[in-house]
């Protein structure tokens, strides 16, 4: 019996949530070492590193849902779009 069977998870789903947890832990540690300085980007609001992570994750969810609705699986192309989107959010937001 798989260790993920108790919740009917697949390994890709588990890896996704592990990656999110690692991002949160690393950004928490980064905040302790180098406190973030809020900045105003193209949205016209002050954002911190954590805000930009949240905006990236939320936008990535919509990118993946849109990809599934229009093109269906696999999601490798959506992953590339999400990485580009996240890079843009961290650069300009």
N, C-alpha and C. Protein backbone atom coordinates (compact mmCIF):
# COMPACT_ATOMS: atom_id res chain seq x y z
N UNK A 1 0.85 -1.19 0.00
CA UNK A 1 0.00 0.00 0.00
C UNK A 1 0.89 1.24 0.00
N UNK A 2 0.59 2.15 -0.88
CA UNK A 2 1.36 3.38 -1.02
C UNK A 2 1.18 4.27 0.21
N UNK A 3 2.23 4.99 0.61
CA UNK A 3 2.08 5.92 1.75
C UNK A 3 1.13 7.07 1.44
N UNK A 4 0.80 7.26 0.17
CA UNK A 4 -0.10 8.35 -0.21
C UNK A 4 -1.54 7.87 -0.37
N UNK A 5 -1.79 6.59 -0.17
CA UNK A 5 -3.11 6.02 -0.43
C UNK A 5 -4.18 6.53 0.53
N UNK A 6 -3.80 6.95 1.71
CA UNK A 6 -4.79 7.39 2.70
C UNK A 6 -5.58 8.58 2.20
N UNK A 7 -5.05 9.33 1.23
CA UNK A 7 -5.77 10.48 0.72
C UNK A 7 -5.94 10.40 -0.80
N UNK A 8 -5.63 9.25 -1.37
CA UNK A 8 -5.73 9.03 -2.81
C UNK A 8 -4.91 10.05 -3.60
N UNK A 9 -3.74 10.42 -3.09
CA UNK A 9 -2.86 11.33 -3.77
C UNK A 9 -2.00 10.58 -4.78
N UNK A 10 -1.54 11.33 -5.75
CA UNK A 10 -0.54 10.80 -6.67
C UNK A 10 0.80 11.45 -6.30
N UNK A 11 1.87 10.89 -6.82
CA UNK A 11 3.18 11.48 -6.52
C UNK A 11 3.32 12.90 -7.04
N UNK A 12 2.83 13.22 -8.24
CA UNK A 12 2.93 14.61 -8.69
C UNK A 12 2.19 15.58 -7.76
N UNK A 13 1.04 15.16 -7.23
CA UNK A 13 0.31 16.02 -6.29
C UNK A 13 1.11 16.21 -5.01
N UNK A 14 1.68 15.13 -4.51
CA UNK A 14 2.49 15.22 -3.29
C UNK A 14 3.70 16.11 -3.52
N UNK A 15 4.36 15.97 -4.66
CA UNK A 15 5.53 16.79 -4.96
C UNK A 15 5.16 18.27 -5.07
N UNK A 16 3.97 18.55 -5.61
CA UNK A 16 3.51 19.93 -5.70
C UNK A 16 3.39 20.54 -4.30
N UNK A 17 2.75 19.83 -3.39
CA UNK A 17 2.57 20.38 -2.04
C UNK A 17 3.88 20.41 -1.26
N UNK A 18 4.77 19.49 -1.53
CA UNK A 18 6.11 19.54 -0.91
C UNK A 18 6.85 20.77 -1.41
N UNK A 19 6.74 21.05 -2.71
CA UNK A 19 7.40 22.25 -3.28
C UNK A 19 6.85 23.52 -2.65
N UNK A 20 5.53 23.60 -2.47
CA UNK A 20 4.92 24.77 -1.83
C UNK A 20 5.44 24.92 -0.40
N UNK A 21 5.51 23.81 0.33
CA UNK A 21 6.02 23.85 1.71
C UNK A 21 7.47 24.31 1.73
N UNK A 22 8.29 23.81 0.80
CA UNK A 22 9.69 24.22 0.74
C UNK A 22 9.84 25.70 0.40
N UNK A 23 8.99 26.20 -0.48
CA UNK A 23 9.00 27.64 -0.80
C UNK A 23 8.68 28.45 0.45
N UNK A 24 7.65 28.05 1.18
CA UNK A 24 7.27 28.78 2.40
C UNK A 24 8.37 28.75 3.45
N UNK A 25 8.98 27.59 3.64
CA UNK A 25 10.06 27.49 4.63
C UNK A 25 11.26 28.32 4.19
N UNK A 26 11.64 28.24 2.92
CA UNK A 26 12.81 28.99 2.45
C UNK A 26 12.57 30.50 2.52
N UNK A 27 11.35 30.95 2.21
CA UNK A 27 11.07 32.38 2.30
C UNK A 27 11.01 32.84 3.75
N UNK A 28 10.59 31.97 4.66
CA UNK A 28 10.62 32.31 6.08
C UNK A 28 12.06 32.48 6.56
N UNK A 29 12.92 31.55 6.16
CA UNK A 29 14.33 31.65 6.54
C UNK A 29 14.99 32.87 5.89
N UNK A 30 14.65 33.12 4.63
CA UNK A 30 15.19 34.28 3.93
C UNK A 30 14.76 35.58 4.62
N UNK A 31 13.54 35.61 5.11
CA UNK A 31 13.05 36.80 5.83
C UNK A 31 13.87 37.05 7.09
N UNK A 32 14.31 35.98 7.76
CA UNK A 32 15.12 36.13 8.96
C UNK A 32 16.51 36.65 8.64
N UNK A 33 17.06 36.19 7.52
CA UNK A 33 18.41 36.58 7.13
C UNK A 33 18.43 37.95 6.46
N UNK A 34 17.51 38.15 5.51
CA UNK A 34 17.41 39.41 4.77
C UNK A 34 15.97 39.89 4.78
N UNK A 35 15.61 40.72 5.77
CA UNK A 35 14.22 41.20 5.83
C UNK A 35 13.83 41.92 4.53
N UNK A 36 12.60 41.68 4.11
CA UNK A 36 12.12 42.27 2.87
C UNK A 36 11.80 43.75 3.04
N UNK A 37 12.00 44.49 1.98
CA UNK A 37 11.65 45.90 1.95
C UNK A 37 10.47 46.02 0.99
N UNK A 38 9.31 46.47 1.48
CA UNK A 38 8.17 46.61 0.58
C UNK A 38 8.49 47.57 -0.56
N UNK A 39 7.94 47.27 -1.73
CA UNK A 39 8.16 48.15 -2.88
C UNK A 39 6.86 48.29 -3.66
N UNK A 40 6.79 49.35 -4.43
CA UNK A 40 5.61 49.61 -5.25
C UNK A 40 5.97 49.28 -6.70
N UNK A 41 5.21 48.38 -7.29
CA UNK A 41 5.46 47.96 -8.67
C UNK A 41 4.37 48.45 -9.59
N UNK A 42 4.15 47.72 -10.67
CA UNK A 42 3.19 48.15 -11.69
C UNK A 42 1.74 48.11 -11.20
N UNK A 43 1.46 47.39 -10.14
CA UNK A 43 0.10 47.38 -9.60
C UNK A 43 -0.22 48.63 -8.80
N UNK A 44 0.82 49.37 -8.42
CA UNK A 44 0.61 50.59 -7.67
C UNK A 44 0.36 50.38 -6.19
N UNK A 45 0.63 49.16 -5.70
CA UNK A 45 0.48 48.87 -4.28
C UNK A 45 1.80 48.36 -3.73
N UNK A 46 1.99 48.53 -2.42
CA UNK A 46 3.19 47.98 -1.79
C UNK A 46 3.09 46.47 -1.71
N UNK A 47 4.13 45.78 -2.14
CA UNK A 47 4.16 44.33 -2.03
C UNK A 47 5.47 43.89 -1.39
N UNK A 48 5.40 42.82 -0.65
CA UNK A 48 6.58 42.19 -0.07
C UNK A 48 6.85 40.90 -0.84
N UNK A 49 7.93 40.21 -0.48
CA UNK A 49 8.25 38.93 -1.10
C UNK A 49 7.09 37.95 -0.95
N UNK A 50 6.52 37.89 0.22
CA UNK A 50 5.40 36.98 0.48
C UNK A 50 4.19 37.31 -0.37
N UNK A 51 3.92 38.59 -0.54
CA UNK A 51 2.81 39.00 -1.40
C UNK A 51 3.02 38.53 -2.83
N UNK A 52 4.26 38.67 -3.30
CA UNK A 52 4.56 38.26 -4.67
C UNK A 52 4.50 36.75 -4.84
N UNK A 53 4.87 35.98 -3.80
CA UNK A 53 4.70 34.53 -3.86
C UNK A 53 3.22 34.19 -3.97
N UNK A 54 2.39 34.83 -3.16
CA UNK A 54 0.95 34.58 -3.20
C UNK A 54 0.35 34.93 -4.56
N UNK A 55 0.72 36.09 -5.10
CA UNK A 55 0.23 36.50 -6.41
C UNK A 55 0.68 35.50 -7.48
N UNK A 56 1.91 35.03 -7.38
CA UNK A 56 2.42 34.04 -8.34
C UNK A 56 1.65 32.73 -8.25
N UNK A 57 1.40 32.25 -7.04
CA UNK A 57 0.67 30.99 -6.87
C UNK A 57 -0.76 31.11 -7.35
N UNK A 58 -1.41 32.21 -7.03
CA UNK A 58 -2.79 32.41 -7.45
C UNK A 58 -2.90 32.51 -8.97
N UNK A 59 -2.03 33.29 -9.57
CA UNK A 59 -2.03 33.40 -11.03
C UNK A 59 -1.69 32.08 -11.70
N UNK A 60 -0.78 31.32 -11.12
CA UNK A 60 -0.41 30.02 -11.69
C UNK A 60 -1.58 29.05 -11.65
N UNK A 61 -2.38 29.12 -10.60
CA UNK A 61 -3.57 28.26 -10.53
C UNK A 61 -4.51 28.58 -11.69
N UNK A 62 -4.71 29.86 -11.96
CA UNK A 62 -5.60 30.24 -13.06
C UNK A 62 -5.00 29.88 -14.42
N UNK A 63 -3.70 30.00 -14.57
CA UNK A 63 -3.04 29.60 -15.81
C UNK A 63 -3.26 28.11 -16.05
N UNK A 64 -3.07 27.29 -15.02
CA UNK A 64 -3.26 25.85 -15.17
C UNK A 64 -4.72 25.49 -15.46
N UNK A 65 -5.65 26.15 -14.78
CA UNK A 65 -7.07 25.87 -15.04
C UNK A 65 -7.45 26.27 -16.47
N UNK A 66 -6.96 27.41 -16.92
CA UNK A 66 -7.23 27.83 -18.29
C UNK A 66 -6.62 26.88 -19.30
N UNK A 67 -5.40 26.43 -19.03
CA UNK A 67 -4.74 25.48 -19.92
C UNK A 67 -5.56 24.20 -20.03
N UNK A 68 -6.01 23.69 -18.87
CA UNK A 68 -6.81 22.47 -18.88
C UNK A 68 -8.12 22.66 -19.63
N UNK A 69 -8.74 23.82 -19.47
CA UNK A 69 -10.02 24.08 -20.13
C UNK A 69 -9.86 24.16 -21.64
N UNK A 70 -8.76 24.75 -22.10
CA UNK A 70 -8.59 24.98 -23.54
C UNK A 70 -7.84 23.83 -24.22
N UNK A 71 -6.75 23.38 -23.63
CA UNK A 71 -5.88 22.40 -24.29
C UNK A 71 -5.90 21.02 -23.65
N UNK A 72 -6.27 20.93 -22.38
CA UNK A 72 -6.25 19.65 -21.68
C UNK A 72 -4.84 19.26 -21.29
N UNK A 73 -4.69 18.05 -20.72
CA UNK A 73 -3.36 17.59 -20.31
C UNK A 73 -2.52 17.26 -21.53
N UNK A 74 -1.22 17.20 -21.41
CA UNK A 74 -0.37 17.43 -20.25
C UNK A 74 -0.16 18.92 -19.98
N UNK A 75 0.36 19.21 -18.80
CA UNK A 75 0.48 20.60 -18.35
C UNK A 75 1.91 21.15 -18.44
N UNK A 76 2.77 20.54 -19.23
CA UNK A 76 4.16 21.03 -19.31
C UNK A 76 4.23 22.44 -19.86
N UNK A 77 3.42 22.74 -20.85
CA UNK A 77 3.39 24.09 -21.40
C UNK A 77 2.90 25.10 -20.37
N UNK A 78 1.90 24.69 -19.58
CA UNK A 78 1.39 25.57 -18.52
C UNK A 78 2.46 25.80 -17.47
N UNK A 79 3.27 24.78 -17.18
CA UNK A 79 4.35 24.94 -16.22
C UNK A 79 5.33 26.00 -16.69
N UNK A 80 5.67 25.97 -17.96
CA UNK A 80 6.59 26.98 -18.51
C UNK A 80 5.97 28.37 -18.40
N UNK A 81 4.69 28.49 -18.75
CA UNK A 81 4.01 29.78 -18.62
C UNK A 81 4.00 30.26 -17.17
N UNK A 82 3.77 29.34 -16.23
CA UNK A 82 3.74 29.70 -14.81
C UNK A 82 5.10 30.21 -14.34
N UNK A 83 6.17 29.57 -14.79
CA UNK A 83 7.51 30.01 -14.39
C UNK A 83 7.82 31.40 -14.96
N UNK A 84 7.43 31.64 -16.20
CA UNK A 84 7.62 32.97 -16.80
C UNK A 84 6.78 33.99 -16.05
N UNK A 85 5.53 33.65 -15.76
CA UNK A 85 4.64 34.53 -15.01
C UNK A 85 5.22 34.87 -13.63
N UNK A 86 5.70 33.86 -12.92
CA UNK A 86 6.28 34.10 -11.59
C UNK A 86 7.51 35.00 -11.68
N UNK A 87 8.35 34.78 -12.67
CA UNK A 87 9.53 35.63 -12.85
C UNK A 87 9.11 37.07 -13.11
N UNK A 88 8.07 37.25 -13.92
CA UNK A 88 7.57 38.62 -14.19
C UNK A 88 6.98 39.25 -12.93
N UNK A 89 6.26 38.49 -12.15
CA UNK A 89 5.68 39.02 -10.91
C UNK A 89 6.80 39.46 -9.97
N UNK A 90 7.82 38.63 -9.80
CA UNK A 90 8.89 39.00 -8.89
C UNK A 90 9.73 40.17 -9.42
N UNK A 91 9.75 40.36 -10.71
CA UNK A 91 10.53 41.46 -11.29
C UNK A 91 9.76 42.78 -11.25
N UNK A 92 8.47 42.76 -11.62
CA UNK A 92 7.77 44.01 -11.84
C UNK A 92 6.62 44.33 -10.89
N UNK A 93 6.19 43.40 -10.07
CA UNK A 93 5.06 43.68 -9.18
C UNK A 93 5.58 44.13 -7.83
